């Protein structure tokens, strides 16, 4: 459909099975010519928090009007609501299970609906594949120009499910944070951001440790980092990251998402700034 907004797909379905492909087939059957983009199909199975983080780092870089079709849905077929909402000039379609938490923190939504009008579903929707039978058709109807409010009942934006944003906290003179995300290169992206990240990178006396190991080295780029040793740098998300040049920090340190990071020698400032 010429001129329709792009639809960006984020799922934990992977590429081995036909699940993402059949969702795209459903979309194209309703909105022929729709521009389909795989934001990622490789979220870890049922990992809503990591999906929320990946969405957070990506949505701003898509054109206004983009429809984000997000299906990481361990509660499929249960009482969790299928929803769609507008925020930051884009539309988001998916389960109401916290997947949109970072988006909602950064860009308060303008409108939200429960996708409860079966006229916009496929016939006889399955209890186990709402991505195909509910979310993909509704995203396609949005791409065709159906107004959000026509797809279901209006809901209070404050009722949307969210989880608390991970943020570092002070414990005396120590800053306690965590690893938010491990990318496919093994880089450890932490919840330390903004002024605190800058302070850790530029204050010679500041120290950060993860998995019981101090990380003294700093670099501006991956190529500048020491070979075979972990170092700190600013990730493209604006958060502090731990990397290994031509290697995996996660493998070298035995670290994973949720592991604690401890910083010391950092000025007490803006520790609670929201995610960017």
C-alpha atoms as a PDB file:
ATOM      1  CA  UNK A   1       0.000   0.000   0.000  1.00  0.00           C
ATOM      2  CA  UNK A   2       1.892   3.026  -1.285  1.00  0.00           C
ATOM      3  CA  UNK A   3       2.480   5.724   1.276  1.00  0.00           C
ATOM      4  CA  UNK A   4       1.560   3.557   4.281  1.00  0.00           C
ATOM      5  CA  UNK A   5       3.762   3.805   7.371  1.00  0.00           C
ATOM      6  CA  UNK A   6       6.420   1.150   7.945  1.00  0.00           C
ATOM      7  CA  UNK A   7       5.705  -1.710  10.327  1.00  0.00           C
ATOM      8  CA  UNK A   8       8.679  -2.726  12.486  1.00  0.00           C
ATOM      9  CA  UNK A   9       8.553  -6.237  13.932  1.00  0.00           C
ATOM     10  CA  UNK A  10      10.097  -7.151  17.292  1.00  0.00           C
ATOM     11  CA  UNK A  11       9.638 -10.712  18.553  1.00  0.00           C
ATOM     12  CA  UNK A  12      11.280 -13.648  20.313  1.00  0.00           C
ATOM     13  CA  UNK A  13      10.247 -16.012  17.504  1.00  0.00           C
ATOM     14  CA  UNK A  14      13.667 -16.316  15.878  1.00  0.00           C
ATOM     15  CA  UNK A  15      14.060 -17.183  12.207  1.00  0.00           C
ATOM     16  CA  UNK A  16      13.951 -21.002  12.280  1.00  0.00           C
ATOM     17  CA  UNK A  17      10.171 -21.366  12.343  1.00  0.00           C
ATOM     18  CA  UNK A  18       7.558 -19.723  10.171  1.00  0.00           C
ATOM     19  CA  UNK A  19       6.031 -17.531  12.884  1.00  0.00           C
ATOM     20  CA  UNK A  20       7.454 -14.151  11.781  1.00  0.00           C
ATOM     21  CA  UNK A  21       6.896 -14.959   8.127  1.00  0.00           C
ATOM     22  CA  UNK A  22       3.241 -15.836   8.570  1.00  0.00           C
ATOM     23  CA  UNK A  23       2.693 -12.599  10.511  1.00  0.00           C
ATOM     24  CA  UNK A  24       4.138 -10.722   7.550  1.00  0.00           C
ATOM     25  CA  UNK A  25       1.893 -12.684   5.210  1.00  0.00           C
ATOM     26  CA  UNK A  26      -1.149 -11.656   7.249  1.00  0.00           C
ATOM     27  CA  UNK A  27      -0.061  -8.021   7.141  1.00  0.00           C
ATOM     28  CA  UNK A  28       0.471  -8.069   3.379  1.00  0.00           C
ATOM     29  CA  UNK A  29      -2.918  -9.668   2.860  1.00  0.00           C
ATOM     30  CA  UNK A  30      -4.560  -6.703   4.579  1.00  0.00           C
ATOM     31  CA  UNK A  31      -2.148  -3.900   3.633  1.00  0.00           C
ATOM     32  CA  UNK A  32      -0.499  -4.911   0.322  1.00  0.00           C
ATOM     33  CA  UNK A  33       2.817  -3.171  -0.220  1.00  0.00           C
ATOM     34  CA  UNK A  34       3.336  -2.312   3.450  1.00  0.00           C
ATOM     35  CA  UNK A  35       6.993  -1.696   4.277  1.00  0.00           C
ATOM     36  CA  UNK A  36       8.058  -4.381   6.764  1.00  0.00           C
ATOM     37  CA  UNK A  37      11.198  -4.037   8.868  1.00  0.00           C
ATOM     38  CA  UNK A  38      12.655  -6.637  11.212  1.00  0.00           C
ATOM     39  CA  UNK A  39      13.775  -4.647  14.218  1.00  0.00           C
ATOM     40  CA  UNK A  40      14.742  -8.015  15.708  1.00  0.00           C
ATOM     41  CA  UNK A  41      13.353 -11.528  15.768  1.00  0.00           C
ATOM     42  CA  UNK A  42      15.969 -12.732  18.239  1.00  0.00           C
ATOM     43  CA  UNK A  43      14.842 -11.572  21.678  1.00  0.00           C
ATOM     44  CA  UNK A  44      15.497 -14.373  24.170  1.00  0.00           C
ATOM     45  CA  UNK A  45      12.381 -16.497  24.645  1.00  0.00           C
ATOM     46  CA  UNK A  46       9.753 -14.830  26.861  1.00  0.00           C
ATOM     47  CA  UNK A  47      12.214 -12.099  27.910  1.00  0.00           C
ATOM     48  CA  UNK A  48       9.878  -9.116  28.152  1.00  0.00           C
ATOM     49  CA  UNK A  49      12.365  -6.887  30.003  1.00  0.00           C
ATOM     50  CA  UNK A  50      15.080  -7.309  27.383  1.00  0.00           C
ATOM     51  CA  UNK A  51      12.559  -6.741  24.595  1.00  0.00           C
ATOM     52  CA  UNK A  52      11.522  -3.508  26.293  1.00  0.00           C
ATOM     53  CA  UNK A  53      15.163  -2.397  26.414  1.00  0.00           C
ATOM     54  CA  UNK A  54      15.819  -3.180  22.750  1.00  0.00           C
ATOM     55  CA  UNK A  55      12.673  -1.292  21.748  1.00  0.00           C
ATOM     56  CA  UNK A  56      13.778   1.625  23.921  1.00  0.00           C
ATOM     57  CA  UNK A  57      17.090   1.912  22.069  1.00  0.00           C
ATOM     58  CA  UNK A  58      15.471   1.829  18.621  1.00  0.00           C
ATOM     59  CA  UNK A  59      12.060   3.457  18.292  1.00  0.00           C
ATOM     60  CA  UNK A  60      13.238   7.093  18.066  1.00  0.00           C
ATOM     61  CA  UNK A  61      15.256   6.310  14.935  1.00  0.00           C
ATOM     62  CA  UNK A  62      12.227   5.289  12.888  1.00  0.00           C
ATOM     63  CA  UNK A  63      10.049   7.757  10.960  1.00  0.00           C
ATOM     64  CA  UNK A  64       7.091   9.397  12.614  1.00  0.00           C
ATOM     65  CA  UNK A  65       4.039   7.228  12.124  1.00  0.00           C
ATOM     66  CA  UNK A  66       5.963   3.945  12.248  1.00  0.00           C
ATOM     67  CA  UNK A  67       3.962   1.048  13.700  1.00  0.00           C
ATOM     68  CA  UNK A  68       5.932  -1.144  16.096  1.00  0.00           C
ATOM     69  CA  UNK A  69       4.481  -4.643  16.148  1.00  0.00           C
ATOM     70  CA  UNK A  70       5.951  -6.161  19.312  1.00  0.00           C
ATOM     71  CA  UNK A  71       5.212  -9.756  20.268  1.00  0.00           C
ATOM     72  CA  UNK A  72       7.095 -11.141  23.256  1.00  0.00           C
ATOM     73  CA  UNK A  73       4.124 -12.644  24.960  1.00  0.00           C
ATOM     74  CA  UNK A  74       4.557 -15.348  27.604  1.00  0.00           C
ATOM     75  CA  UNK A  75       0.968 -14.624  28.745  1.00  0.00           C
ATOM     76  CA  UNK A  76      -0.628 -15.259  25.347  1.00  0.00           C
ATOM     77  CA  UNK A  77      -4.185 -16.525  25.735  1.00  0.00           C
ATOM     78  CA  UNK A  78      -4.419 -15.412  29.365  1.00  0.00           C
ATOM     79  CA  UNK A  79      -6.183 -12.376  30.834  1.00  0.00           C
ATOM     80  CA  UNK A  80      -3.384 -10.020  29.786  1.00  0.00           C
ATOM     81  CA  UNK A  81      -4.741  -7.377  27.403  1.00  0.00           C
ATOM     82  CA  UNK A  82      -3.790  -6.957  23.755  1.00  0.00           C
ATOM     83  CA  UNK A  83      -3.260  -3.217  23.329  1.00  0.00           C
ATOM     84  CA  UNK A  84      -2.256  -0.514  20.906  1.00  0.00           C
ATOM     85  CA  UNK A  85      -1.107   2.988  21.768  1.00  0.00           C
ATOM     86  CA  UNK A  86       0.411   6.138  20.368  1.00  0.00           C
ATOM     87  CA  UNK A  87       3.487   7.726  21.931  1.00  0.00           C
ATOM     88  CA  UNK A  88       6.284   9.880  20.614  1.00  0.00           C
ATOM     89  CA  UNK A  89       4.618  10.166  17.218  1.00  0.00           C
ATOM     90  CA  UNK A  90       4.665   6.390  16.658  1.00  0.00           C
ATOM     91  CA  UNK A  91       2.203   3.546  17.218  1.00  0.00           C
ATOM     92  CA  UNK A  92       2.861   0.440  19.301  1.00  0.00           C
ATOM     93  CA  UNK A  93       0.926  -2.820  19.107  1.00  0.00           C
ATOM     94  CA  UNK A  94       1.420  -5.777  21.420  1.00  0.00           C
ATOM     95  CA  UNK A  95       0.653  -7.397  24.763  1.00  0.00           C
ATOM     96  CA  UNK A  96       0.112  -5.241  27.839  1.00  0.00           C
ATOM     97  CA  UNK A  97       2.835  -6.949  29.869  1.00  0.00           C
ATOM     98  CA  UNK A  98       5.465  -4.248  30.446  1.00  0.00           C
ATOM     99  CA  UNK A  99       6.995  -4.482  26.990  1.00  0.00           C
ATOM    100  CA  UNK A 100       6.356  -0.760  26.419  1.00  0.00           C
ATOM    101  CA  UNK A 101       7.709   0.371  29.812  1.00  0.00           C
ATOM    102  CA  UNK A 102      10.724   2.329  28.520  1.00  0.00           C
ATOM    103  CA  UNK A 103       8.691   3.919  25.742  1.00  0.00           C
ATOM    104  CA  UNK A 104       6.039   5.070  28.203  1.00  0.00           C
ATOM    105  CA  UNK A 105       8.678   6.483  30.559  1.00  0.00           C
ATOM    106  CA  UNK A 106      10.283   8.486  27.764  1.00  0.00           C
ATOM    107  CA  UNK A 107       7.169   9.559  25.841  1.00  0.00           C
ATOM    108  CA  UNK A 108       3.850   9.609  27.725  1.00  0.00           C
ATOM    109  CA  UNK A 109       1.190   8.096  25.442  1.00  0.00           C
ATOM    110  CA  UNK A 110      -1.475  10.178  23.758  1.00  0.00           C
ATOM    111  CA  UNK A 111      -4.041   7.388  23.402  1.00  0.00           C
ATOM    112  CA  UNK A 112      -4.377   3.696  24.174  1.00  0.00           C
ATOM    113  CA  UNK A 113      -6.944   1.040  23.319  1.00  0.00           C
ATOM    114  CA  UNK A 114      -7.593  -2.567  24.227  1.00  0.00           C
ATOM    115  CA  UNK A 115      -7.707  -4.562  20.989  1.00  0.00           C
ATOM    116  CA  UNK A 116     -11.069  -6.104  21.783  1.00  0.00           C
ATOM    117  CA  UNK A 117     -12.961  -5.681  18.509  1.00  0.00           C
ATOM    118  CA  UNK A 118     -12.921  -9.066  16.715  1.00  0.00           C
ATOM    119  CA  UNK A 119     -13.783  -7.419  13.408  1.00  0.00           C
ATOM    120  CA  UNK A 120     -10.068  -6.601  13.145  1.00  0.00           C
ATOM    121  CA  UNK A 121      -8.855 -10.115  14.036  1.00  0.00           C
ATOM    122  CA  UNK A 122      -8.387 -13.077  11.786  1.00  0.00           C
ATOM    123  CA  UNK A 123     -11.359 -15.463  12.002  1.00  0.00           C
ATOM    124  CA  UNK A 124     -11.318 -17.910  14.918  1.00  0.00           C
ATOM    125  CA  UNK A 125      -8.158 -16.601  16.622  1.00  0.00           C
ATOM    126  CA  UNK A 126      -5.904 -19.157  18.239  1.00  0.00           C
ATOM    127  CA  UNK A 127      -5.253 -19.050  21.990  1.00  0.00           C
ATOM    128  CA  UNK A 128      -1.532 -19.518  21.353  1.00  0.00           C
ATOM    129  CA  UNK A 129      -0.670 -17.232  18.409  1.00  0.00           C
ATOM    130  CA  UNK A 130      -2.072 -13.759  18.927  1.00  0.00           C
ATOM    131  CA  UNK A 131       0.860 -12.413  16.927  1.00  0.00           C
ATOM    132  CA  UNK A 132      -0.703 -13.879  13.789  1.00  0.00           C
ATOM    133  CA  UNK A 133      -4.381 -13.626  14.650  1.00  0.00           C
ATOM    134  CA  UNK A 134      -4.722 -10.345  16.575  1.00  0.00           C
ATOM    135  CA  UNK A 135      -1.585  -8.193  16.609  1.00  0.00           C
ATOM    136  CA  UNK A 136      -0.528  -8.512  12.956  1.00  0.00           C
ATOM    137  CA  UNK A 137      -4.039  -7.824  11.592  1.00  0.00           C
ATOM    138  CA  UNK A 138      -4.496  -4.820  13.870  1.00  0.00           C
ATOM    139  CA  UNK A 139      -1.090  -3.411  12.859  1.00  0.00           C
ATOM    140  CA  UNK A 140      -2.029  -3.897   9.216  1.00  0.00           C
ATOM    141  CA  UNK A 141      -5.343  -2.089   9.662  1.00  0.00           C
ATOM    142  CA  UNK A 142      -3.471   0.804  11.262  1.00  0.00           C
ATOM    143  CA  UNK A 143      -1.152   0.866   8.240  1.00  0.00           C
ATOM    144  CA  UNK A 144      -4.228   1.060   6.002  1.00  0.00           C
ATOM    145  CA  UNK A 145      -5.307   4.180   7.842  1.00  0.00           C
ATOM    146  CA  UNK A 146      -7.888   2.820  10.294  1.00  0.00           C
ATOM    147  CA  UNK A 147      -7.831   5.200  13.301  1.00  0.00           C
ATOM    148  CA  UNK A 148      -6.477   3.738  16.522  1.00  0.00           C
ATOM    149  CA  UNK A 149      -9.729   4.437  18.340  1.00  0.00           C
ATOM    150  CA  UNK A 150     -11.663   2.211  15.930  1.00  0.00           C
ATOM    151  CA  UNK A 151      -9.693  -0.924  16.845  1.00  0.00           C
ATOM    152  CA  UNK A 152     -11.091  -1.334  20.344  1.00  0.00           C
ATOM    153  CA  UNK A 153     -12.128   0.191  23.637  1.00  0.00           C
ATOM    154  CA  UNK A 154     -10.318   3.230  24.962  1.00  0.00           C
ATOM    155  CA  UNK A 155      -8.307   2.539  28.119  1.00  0.00           C
ATOM    156  CA  UNK A 156      -6.644   4.874  30.585  1.00  0.00           C
ATOM    157  CA  UNK A 157      -2.989   5.243  29.721  1.00  0.00           C
ATOM    158  CA  UNK A 158      -2.205   5.042  33.435  1.00  0.00           C
ATOM    159  CA  UNK A 159      -3.601   1.497  33.443  1.00  0.00           C
ATOM    160  CA  UNK A 160      -0.956   0.184  31.045  1.00  0.00           C
ATOM    161  CA  UNK A 161       1.355  -2.336  32.672  1.00  0.00           C
ATOM    162  CA  UNK A 162       4.871  -1.065  33.338  1.00  0.00           C
ATOM    163  CA  UNK A 163       7.825  -2.191  35.408  1.00  0.00           C
ATOM    164  CA  UNK A 164      10.151   0.048  37.415  1.00  0.00           C
ATOM    165  CA  UNK A 165      13.013   1.445  35.363  1.00  0.00           C
ATOM    166  CA  UNK A 166      16.355  -0.013  36.491  1.00  0.00           C
ATOM    167  CA  UNK A 167      18.493   2.842  37.817  1.00  0.00           C
ATOM    168  CA  UNK A 168      21.681   2.907  39.858  1.00  0.00           C
ATOM    169  CA  UNK A 169      21.355   3.794  43.536  1.00  0.00           C
ATOM    170  CA  UNK A 170      23.793   5.124  46.102  1.00  0.00           C
ATOM    171  CA  UNK A 171      24.842   2.868  48.946  1.00  0.00           C
ATOM    172  CA  UNK A 172      26.958   5.266  51.002  1.00  0.00           C
ATOM    173  CA  UNK A 173      29.805   6.314  48.714  1.00  0.00           C
ATOM    174  CA  UNK A 174      29.287   3.375  46.372  1.00  0.00           C
ATOM    175  CA  UNK A 175      27.022   3.443  43.344  1.00  0.00           C
ATOM    176  CA  UNK A 176      25.169   0.174  42.816  1.00  0.00           C
ATOM    177  CA  UNK A 177      23.844  -0.584  39.357  1.00  0.00           C
ATOM    178  CA  UNK A 178      23.316  -3.549  37.077  1.00  0.00           C
ATOM    179  CA  UNK A 179      23.874  -4.965  33.625  1.00  0.00           C
ATOM    180  CA  UNK A 180      20.790  -4.091  31.570  1.00  0.00           C
ATOM    181  CA  UNK A 181      21.602  -5.891  28.344  1.00  0.00           C
ATOM    182  CA  UNK A 182      24.188  -8.180  26.785  1.00  0.00           C
ATOM    183  CA  UNK A 183      24.414  -7.739  23.024  1.00  0.00           C
ATOM    184  CA  UNK A 184      25.509 -10.405  20.539  1.00  0.00           C
ATOM    185  CA  UNK A 185      29.115  -9.188  20.758  1.00  0.00           C
ATOM    186  CA  UNK A 186      29.147  -9.809  24.502  1.00  0.00           C
ATOM    187  CA  UNK A 187      29.191  -6.120  25.401  1.00  0.00           C
ATOM    188  CA  UNK A 188      27.664  -5.458  28.831  1.00  0.00           C
ATOM    189  CA  UNK A 189      25.411  -2.379  28.767  1.00  0.00           C
ATOM    190  CA  UNK A 190      24.762  -1.050  32.260  1.00  0.00           C
ATOM    191  CA  UNK A 191      22.087   1.175  33.791  1.00  0.00           C
ATOM    192  CA  UNK A 192      24.703   3.878  34.442  1.00  0.00           C
ATOM    193  CA  UNK A 193      23.971   6.725  32.025  1.00  0.00           C
ATOM    194  CA  UNK A 194      24.237  10.457  31.448  1.00  0.00           C
ATOM    195  CA  UNK A 195      26.364  12.483  33.858  1.00  0.00           C
ATOM    196  CA  UNK A 196      27.258   9.424  35.909  1.00  0.00           C
ATOM    197  CA  UNK A 197      28.568   7.564  32.879  1.00  0.00           C
ATOM    198  CA  UNK A 198      30.562  10.624  31.848  1.00  0.00           C
ATOM    199  CA  UNK A 199      31.986  10.937  35.366  1.00  0.00           C
ATOM    200  CA  UNK A 200      33.095   7.298  35.414  1.00  0.00           C
ATOM    201  CA  UNK A 201      34.798   7.713  32.061  1.00  0.00           C
ATOM    202  CA  UNK A 202      36.556  10.978  32.854  1.00  0.00           C
ATOM    203  CA  UNK A 203      37.351  10.856  36.593  1.00  0.00           C
ATOM    204  CA  UNK A 204      40.743   9.157  37.058  1.00  0.00           C
ATOM    205  CA  UNK A 205      39.921   8.045  40.611  1.00  0.00           C
ATOM    206  CA  UNK A 206      36.561   6.487  39.652  1.00  0.00           C
ATOM    207  CA  UNK A 207      36.340   2.722  39.540  1.00  0.00           C
ATOM    208  CA  UNK A 208      33.755   0.226  38.340  1.00  0.00           C
ATOM    209  CA  UNK A 209      33.623  -3.488  39.080  1.00  0.00           C
ATOM    210  CA  UNK A 210      31.462  -6.292  37.708  1.00  0.00           C
ATOM    211  CA  UNK A 211      31.540  -9.989  38.554  1.00  0.00           C
ATOM    212  CA  UNK A 212      34.121  -9.192  41.215  1.00  0.00           C
ATOM    213  CA  UNK A 213      36.593  -7.666  38.756  1.00  0.00           C
ATOM    214  CA  UNK A 214      37.722  -4.054  38.615  1.00  0.00           C
ATOM    215  CA  UNK A 215      37.606  -2.476  35.130  1.00  0.00           C
ATOM    216  CA  UNK A 216      40.224   0.311  35.113  1.00  0.00           C
ATOM    217  CA  UNK A 217      40.687   0.805  31.349  1.00  0.00           C
ATOM    218  CA  UNK A 218      38.698   3.364  29.352  1.00  0.00           C
ATOM    219  CA  UNK A 219      38.327   3.904  25.626  1.00  0.00           C
ATOM    220  CA  UNK A 220      36.428   6.134  23.242  1.00  0.00           C
ATOM    221  CA  UNK A 221      35.957   3.455  20.569  1.00  0.00           C
ATOM    222  CA  UNK A 222      36.122  -0.350  20.444  1.00  0.00           C
ATOM    223  CA  UNK A 223      39.334  -0.155  18.384  1.00  0.00           C
ATOM    224  CA  UNK A 224      41.059   1.919  21.081  1.00  0.00           C
ATOM    225  CA  UNK A 225      40.447  -0.617  23.829  1.00  0.00           C
ATOM    226  CA  UNK A 226      43.191  -2.912  25.119  1.00  0.00           C
ATOM    227  CA  UNK A 227      43.379  -6.281  23.403  1.00  0.00           C
ATOM    228  CA  UNK A 228      41.996  -9.109  25.505  1.00  0.00           C
ATOM    229  CA  UNK A 229      41.103  -6.936  28.514  1.00  0.00           C
ATOM    230  CA  UNK A 230      37.759  -5.432  29.543  1.00  0.00           C
ATOM    231  CA  UNK A 231      37.347  -1.669  29.315  1.00  0.00           C
ATOM    232  CA  UNK A 232      34.675   0.980  29.765  1.00  0.00           C
ATOM    233  CA  UNK A 233      33.181   3.108  27.004  1.00  0.00           C
ATOM    234  CA  UNK A 234      30.000   4.983  26.181  1.00  0.00           C
ATOM    235  CA  UNK A 235      27.521   2.773  24.338  1.00  0.00           C
ATOM    236  CA  UNK A 236      25.436   4.197  21.477  1.00  0.00           C
ATOM    237  CA  UNK A 237      22.426   4.035  23.836  1.00  0.00           C
ATOM    238  CA  UNK A 238      24.069   6.672  26.057  1.00  0.00           C
ATOM    239  CA  UNK A 239      24.791   4.115  28.762  1.00  0.00           C
ATOM    240  CA  UNK A 240      28.091   2.963  30.160  1.00  0.00           C
ATOM    241  CA  UNK A 241      29.240  -0.334  28.657  1.00  0.00           C
ATOM    242  CA  UNK A 242      31.933  -2.879  29.355  1.00  0.00           C
ATOM    243  CA  UNK A 243      33.584  -4.310  26.260  1.00  0.00           C
ATOM    244  CA  UNK A 244      36.537  -6.408  25.130  1.00  0.00           C
ATOM    245  CA  UNK A 245      38.269  -5.514  21.898  1.00  0.00           C
ATOM    246  CA  UNK A 246      37.736  -8.329  19.394  1.00  0.00           C
ATOM    247  CA  UNK A 247      36.198 -10.414  22.137  1.00  0.00           C
ATOM    248  CA  UNK A 248      33.281 -10.845  24.520  1.00  0.00           C
ATOM    249  CA  UNK A 249      33.179  -9.111  27.885  1.00  0.00           C
ATOM    250  CA  UNK A 250      30.330 -11.389  28.949  1.00  0.00           C
ATOM    251  CA  UNK A 251      32.377 -14.523  28.248  1.00  0.00           C
ATOM    252  CA  UNK A 252      35.611 -13.182  29.705  1.00  0.00           C
ATOM    253  CA  UNK A 253      33.987 -11.990  32.929  1.00  0.00           C
ATOM    254  CA  UNK A 254      31.328 -14.675  33.213  1.00  0.00           C
ATOM    255  CA  UNK A 255      28.747 -11.874  33.432  1.00  0.00           C
ATOM    256  CA  UNK A 256      25.127 -11.725  32.343  1.00  0.00           C
ATOM    257  CA  UNK A 257      22.105  -9.430  32.417  1.00  0.00           C
ATOM    258  CA  UNK A 258      21.068  -8.518  35.941  1.00  0.00           C
ATOM    259  CA  UNK A 259      24.577  -8.837  37.401  1.00  0.00           C
ATOM    260  CA  UNK A 260      25.527  -6.097  39.837  1.00  0.00           C
ATOM    261  CA  UNK A 261      27.986  -3.357  38.925  1.00  0.00           C
ATOM    262  CA  UNK A 262      29.607  -1.297  41.675  1.00  0.00           C
ATOM    263  CA  UNK A 263      31.175   2.111  41.097  1.00  0.00           C
ATOM    264  CA  UNK A 264      33.242   4.157  43.511  1.00  0.00           C
ATOM    265  CA  UNK A 265      34.907   7.560  43.388  1.00  0.00           C
ATOM    266  CA  UNK A 266      31.978   9.021  41.428  1.00  0.00           C
ATOM    267  CA  UNK A 267      30.514  12.453  42.320  1.00  0.00           C
ATOM    268  CA  UNK A 268      27.028  12.256  43.865  1.00  0.00           C
ATOM    269  CA  UNK A 269      25.010  13.770  41.028  1.00  0.00           C
ATOM    270  CA  UNK A 270      21.964  12.857  38.963  1.00  0.00           C
ATOM    271  CA  UNK A 271      21.931   9.234  40.022  1.00  0.00           C
ATOM    272  CA  UNK A 272      18.230   8.965  39.366  1.00  0.00           C
ATOM    273  CA  UNK A 273      18.004  10.434  35.895  1.00  0.00           C
ATOM    274  CA  UNK A 274      15.505   8.540  33.736  1.00  0.00           C
ATOM    275  CA  UNK A 275      16.452   6.313  30.821  1.00  0.00           C
ATOM    276  CA  UNK A 276      17.095   8.109  27.549  1.00  0.00           C
END
